[in-house]
Every structure is written in C-alpha cells, then in structure tokens.
Amino acid sequence: MEKVTLGRTGITVNRNGFGALPIQRVTGEDATLILRKAYDRGIRFFDSARWYSDSEEKLGNALSDVRKDIYIATKTGSTTVEGFWKDLETSLNNLKTDYIDIYQFHNPSFCPKPGDGTGLYEAMLEAKAQGKIHFIGLTNHRLPVAIEACESGLYDTIQFPFSYLADQKDIDLVHKCKEHNIGFICMKALSGGLN
C-alpha cells in the first residue's frame, strides 16, 4: 500500500486507514475479527470517537497488544473543559492506552483557539504537556471552520469529507493543508455510498 505522512506530525502510514464508526454496529467478537484482519493486512491508523458508542472499547480490546505498532486518533465533542477531561480519560481507559496519537475536536461549530473563552484549546495544550496526547486535530463538515483551522496554524491535522464528489473548494482545502504542513485526513471517502 502507498504510504503518506500526515504533515508535521511525521506519522507515516498507509494511505488507507480504518474509520472505526461502523464497528459500533457489530458484536465485540466480530469487531475483533475485523480489526485484527485490518491490522494483519497492514492498516496502522485507526480513527474513533467518544460519540461512536462502544467503538473505542472494541478497538482497545482488539488491538491493545499491538498498541506500539499503531496510531490511534479519537475525538471529543465536548464543549466544556470539564467534559473534555472526562472524554479524554474515558477514551484512554476504553482504548487501553496511556496516550492518544491525535486527539481531535469532533465537528465543532467554531474553530477552538487560545483565548476564545472556552478553554478548550488550552485543555488540549495541557493534555499534550502531560503526554496524554501527541498531536492536536480538528474534524469538521463545515468548510469555513476547516479553512479557519488550517489558516490558524494551531492544528496538526484536519479531518474533512473528501471523495470523488468533492468540488474545487474541497480540493483547495487539501492543497492549503499541504502548504501549511497539516495532515489532511479524508473522511467519507465513498460519500455515504453516493459514488
């Protein structure tokens, strides 16, 4: 498989990663079979979220023994600092790890920044200083928020819907991320089955 490096993170993985939202719909046993097959076939990047019900737990159960060989991204949708820390500790526990490679704000309606009054970005920096996360990311479905995150210089990765149905503005975002040395993580590559 072709390898890519996620911008300034230096994380180099196969172009195809494993989006772990769908494993919430299968049994724990089936999830383990699926995740181990992905790992055995060379997948090393796994993306989950607190909002994906038991996805993190299934990922932790299936891959904790190979944790040093994989990269895990997960997300918090919390809008408060207290919720941020609760989500982070829950994710670490569920994933059976003491660090998350890329911790992402999950589709916020705005671009969290230092001094914005929410304390969310400052919490990310503190989690990084504590070694609980290695890189800071943002996922979004709103192009203006993704562009603002890219231009802010605050984010190591941006995850955004991108498929064969992408228009020029979406393609421009990919190029902008590359110019800013930000890892672009594509989500919904099959556009929900519309391709």
Protein backbone atom coordinates (compact mmCIF):
# COMPACT_ATOMS: atom_id res chain seq x y z
CA MET A 1 0.00 0.00 0.00
CA GLU A 2 1.09 3.56 -0.69
CA LYS A 3 2.37 5.43 2.37
CA VAL A 4 1.57 9.02 3.32
CA THR A 5 2.93 11.31 6.03
CA LEU A 6 0.41 13.36 7.99
CA GLY A 7 2.05 16.76 7.68
CA ARG A 8 4.22 17.96 10.53
CA THR A 9 3.20 15.06 12.78
CA GLY A 10 5.71 12.87 10.99
CA ILE A 11 3.23 10.00 11.28
CA THR A 12 3.71 7.85 8.18
CA VAL A 13 1.03 5.25 7.49
CA ASN A 14 -0.71 3.51 4.62
CA ARG A 15 -2.91 5.83 2.59
CA ASN A 16 -5.94 3.83 3.77
CA GLY A 17 -6.77 3.98 7.46
CA PHE A 18 -9.54 2.37 9.47
CA GLY A 19 -12.54 4.54 10.34
CA ALA A 20 -13.97 2.81 13.41
CA LEU A 21 -17.50 4.24 13.40
CA PRO A 22 -19.07 1.11 11.79
CA ILE A 23 -17.72 -1.36 14.37
CA GLN A 24 -20.23 0.01 16.86
CA ARG A 25 -22.85 -1.88 14.81
CA VAL A 26 -21.31 -5.34 15.24
CA THR A 27 -20.63 -7.63 18.19
CA GLY A 28 -17.39 -7.39 20.13
CA GLU A 29 -16.25 -10.70 18.68
CA ASP A 30 -16.92 -9.57 15.12
CA ALA A 31 -15.25 -6.22 15.79
CA THR A 32 -12.12 -8.01 16.99
CA LEU A 33 -12.06 -10.17 13.85
CA ILE A 34 -12.48 -7.12 11.61
CA LEU A 35 -9.88 -5.01 13.41
CA ARG A 36 -7.31 -7.81 13.55
CA LYS A 37 -7.81 -8.53 9.86
CA ALA A 38 -7.21 -4.84 9.09
CA TYR A 39 -4.08 -4.88 11.24
CA ASP A 40 -2.83 -8.13 9.70
CA ARG A 41 -3.30 -6.62 6.23
CA GLY A 42 -1.14 -3.62 7.08
CA ILE A 43 -3.53 -0.96 8.40
CA ARG A 44 -1.81 1.03 11.15
CA PHE A 45 -4.03 4.14 11.50
CA PHE A 46 -7.30 3.76 13.41
CA ASP A 47 -9.78 6.59 13.94
CA SER A 48 -12.59 6.54 16.50
CA ALA A 49 -14.58 8.97 18.68
CA ARG A 50 -16.32 9.20 22.04
CA TRP A 51 -19.61 9.62 20.15
CA TYR A 52 -19.20 6.24 18.41
CA SER A 53 -20.79 4.38 21.35
CA ASP A 54 -18.53 1.36 22.08
CA SER A 55 -16.13 1.79 19.15
CA GLU A 56 -13.19 2.85 21.33
CA GLU A 57 -13.72 -0.05 23.71
CA LYS A 58 -13.79 -2.54 20.84
CA LEU A 59 -10.66 -1.02 19.38
CA GLY A 60 -8.88 -1.25 22.74
CA ASN A 61 -9.95 -4.87 23.24
CA ALA A 62 -8.80 -5.89 19.77
CA LEU A 63 -5.51 -4.03 19.44
CA SER A 64 -4.09 -3.19 22.87
CA ASP A 65 -1.43 -5.88 22.47
CA VAL A 66 -0.07 -4.14 19.34
CA ARG A 67 -0.50 -0.57 20.62
CA LYS A 68 3.14 0.33 20.00
CA ASP A 69 2.72 -0.59 16.31
CA ILE A 70 -0.37 1.51 15.54
CA TYR A 71 -1.56 5.10 15.56
CA ILE A 72 -4.86 5.97 17.20
CA ALA A 73 -6.90 9.09 16.56
CA THR A 74 -10.04 9.76 18.53
CA LYS A 75 -12.28 12.72 19.22
CA THR A 76 -14.09 14.72 21.85
CA GLY A 77 -17.32 16.52 21.08
CA SER A 78 -17.35 18.25 24.44
CA THR A 79 -17.96 21.98 24.56
CA THR A 80 -16.68 22.37 28.14
CA VAL A 81 -13.27 21.90 29.71
CA GLU A 82 -14.73 19.55 32.33
CA GLY A 83 -16.29 17.44 29.58
CA PHE A 84 -13.03 17.49 27.62
CA TRP A 85 -11.10 15.91 30.50
CA LYS A 86 -13.86 13.40 31.18
CA ASP A 87 -13.89 12.37 27.50
CA LEU A 88 -10.11 12.11 27.38
CA GLU A 89 -9.88 9.89 30.46
CA THR A 90 -12.74 7.71 29.19
CA SER A 91 -11.05 7.35 25.81
CA LEU A 92 -7.70 6.42 27.35
CA ASN A 93 -9.41 3.82 29.52
CA ASN A 94 -11.51 2.39 26.68
CA LEU A 95 -8.57 2.25 24.28
CA LYS A 96 -6.36 0.62 26.93
CA THR A 97 -3.57 3.10 26.35
CA ASP A 98 -1.85 5.92 28.20
CA TYR A 99 -1.68 8.24 25.19
CA ILE A 100 -3.60 9.13 22.04
CA ASP A 101 -1.61 9.94 18.93
CA ILE A 102 -4.07 12.50 17.52
CA TYR A 103 -6.81 13.94 19.72
CA GLN A 104 -9.38 15.84 17.71
CA PHE A 105 -12.19 18.29 18.33
CA HIS A 106 -15.20 16.49 16.87
CA ASN A 107 -17.06 18.69 14.36
CA PRO A 108 -17.26 21.86 16.47
CA SER A 109 -19.42 24.73 15.22
CA PHE A 110 -16.40 27.05 15.59
CA CYS A 111 -12.62 26.77 15.50
CA PRO A 112 -11.32 26.48 19.08
CA LYS A 113 -8.41 28.84 19.71
CA PRO A 114 -6.44 30.06 22.72
CA GLY A 115 -8.21 32.93 24.47
CA ASP A 116 -11.61 32.27 22.89
CA GLY A 117 -13.22 31.96 26.32
CA THR A 118 -13.99 28.24 26.13
CA GLY A 119 -10.67 26.96 27.48
CA LEU A 120 -10.87 24.02 25.07
CA TYR A 121 -7.68 24.67 23.14
CA GLU A 122 -5.83 25.36 26.37
CA ALA A 123 -7.05 21.96 27.64
CA MET A 124 -5.59 20.35 24.51
CA LEU A 125 -2.25 22.02 25.21
CA GLU A 126 -2.31 20.83 28.82
CA ALA A 127 -3.16 17.26 27.74
CA LYS A 128 -0.23 17.41 25.33
CA ALA A 129 2.10 18.74 28.03
CA GLN A 130 1.02 15.80 30.23
CA GLY A 131 1.86 13.35 27.42
CA LYS A 132 -1.73 12.13 27.17
CA ILE A 133 -1.96 13.26 23.55
CA HIS A 134 0.75 13.77 20.97
CA PHE A 135 -0.94 15.90 18.30
CA ILE A 136 -3.97 18.20 18.09
CA GLY A 137 -6.55 17.78 15.35
CA LEU A 138 -9.95 19.04 14.30
CA THR A 139 -12.67 17.30 12.33
CA ASN A 140 -15.40 19.21 10.59
CA HIS A 141 -18.14 19.15 7.98
CA ARG A 142 -18.17 22.95 7.66
CA LEU A 143 -15.69 24.22 5.10
CA PRO A 144 -15.30 27.69 6.70
CA VAL A 145 -14.37 26.13 10.07
CA ALA A 146 -11.89 23.75 8.40
CA ILE A 147 -10.29 26.63 6.48
CA GLU A 148 -10.04 28.74 9.65
CA ALA A 149 -8.40 25.82 11.49
CA CYS A 150 -5.95 25.36 8.64
CA GLU A 151 -5.03 29.04 8.50
CA SER A 152 -4.75 29.35 12.29
CA GLY A 153 -1.57 27.27 12.47
CA LEU A 154 -2.92 25.66 15.66
CA TYR A 155 -3.76 22.23 14.28
CA ASP A 156 -1.54 19.32 13.29
CA THR A 157 -4.31 17.54 11.36
CA ILE A 158 -7.67 18.36 9.83
CA GLN A 159 -10.22 15.69 9.01
CA PHE A 160 -12.82 16.63 6.41
CA PRO A 161 -15.21 14.85 4.00
CA PHE A 162 -13.48 14.23 0.69
CA SER A 163 -14.48 11.95 -2.17
CA TYR A 164 -14.87 11.82 -5.94
CA LEU A 165 -17.80 14.18 -5.42
CA ALA A 166 -15.54 16.87 -3.90
CA ASP A 167 -15.75 20.27 -5.54
CA GLN A 168 -12.93 22.73 -6.15
CA LYS A 169 -13.30 24.37 -2.72
CA ASP A 170 -12.70 20.99 -1.06
CA ILE A 171 -9.70 20.35 -3.30
CA ASP A 172 -8.36 23.81 -2.41
CA LEU A 173 -8.58 22.87 1.30
CA VAL A 174 -6.40 19.80 0.67
CA HIS A 175 -3.81 22.00 -1.07
CA LYS A 176 -4.00 24.61 1.71
CA CYS A 177 -3.32 21.90 4.32
CA LYS A 178 -0.32 20.73 2.33
CA GLU A 179 1.01 24.30 2.09
CA HIS A 180 0.69 24.67 5.88
CA ASN A 181 2.21 21.20 6.52
CA ILE A 182 -1.01 20.00 8.14
CA GLY A 183 -2.00 16.36 7.84
CA PHE A 184 -5.23 16.05 5.85
CA ILE A 185 -7.35 13.07 6.91
CA CYS A 186 -10.10 12.23 4.48
CA MET A 187 -13.43 11.02 5.86
CA LYS A 188 -16.46 9.71 3.98
CA ALA A 189 -14.28 8.73 1.02
CA LEU A 190 -17.21 6.89 -0.57
CA SER A 191 -19.54 9.81 0.14
CA GLY A 192 -22.01 7.69 2.08
CA GLY A 193 -22.39 5.31 -0.86
CA LEU A 194 -23.32 8.02 -3.37
CA ASN A 195 -20.27 7.42 -5.61
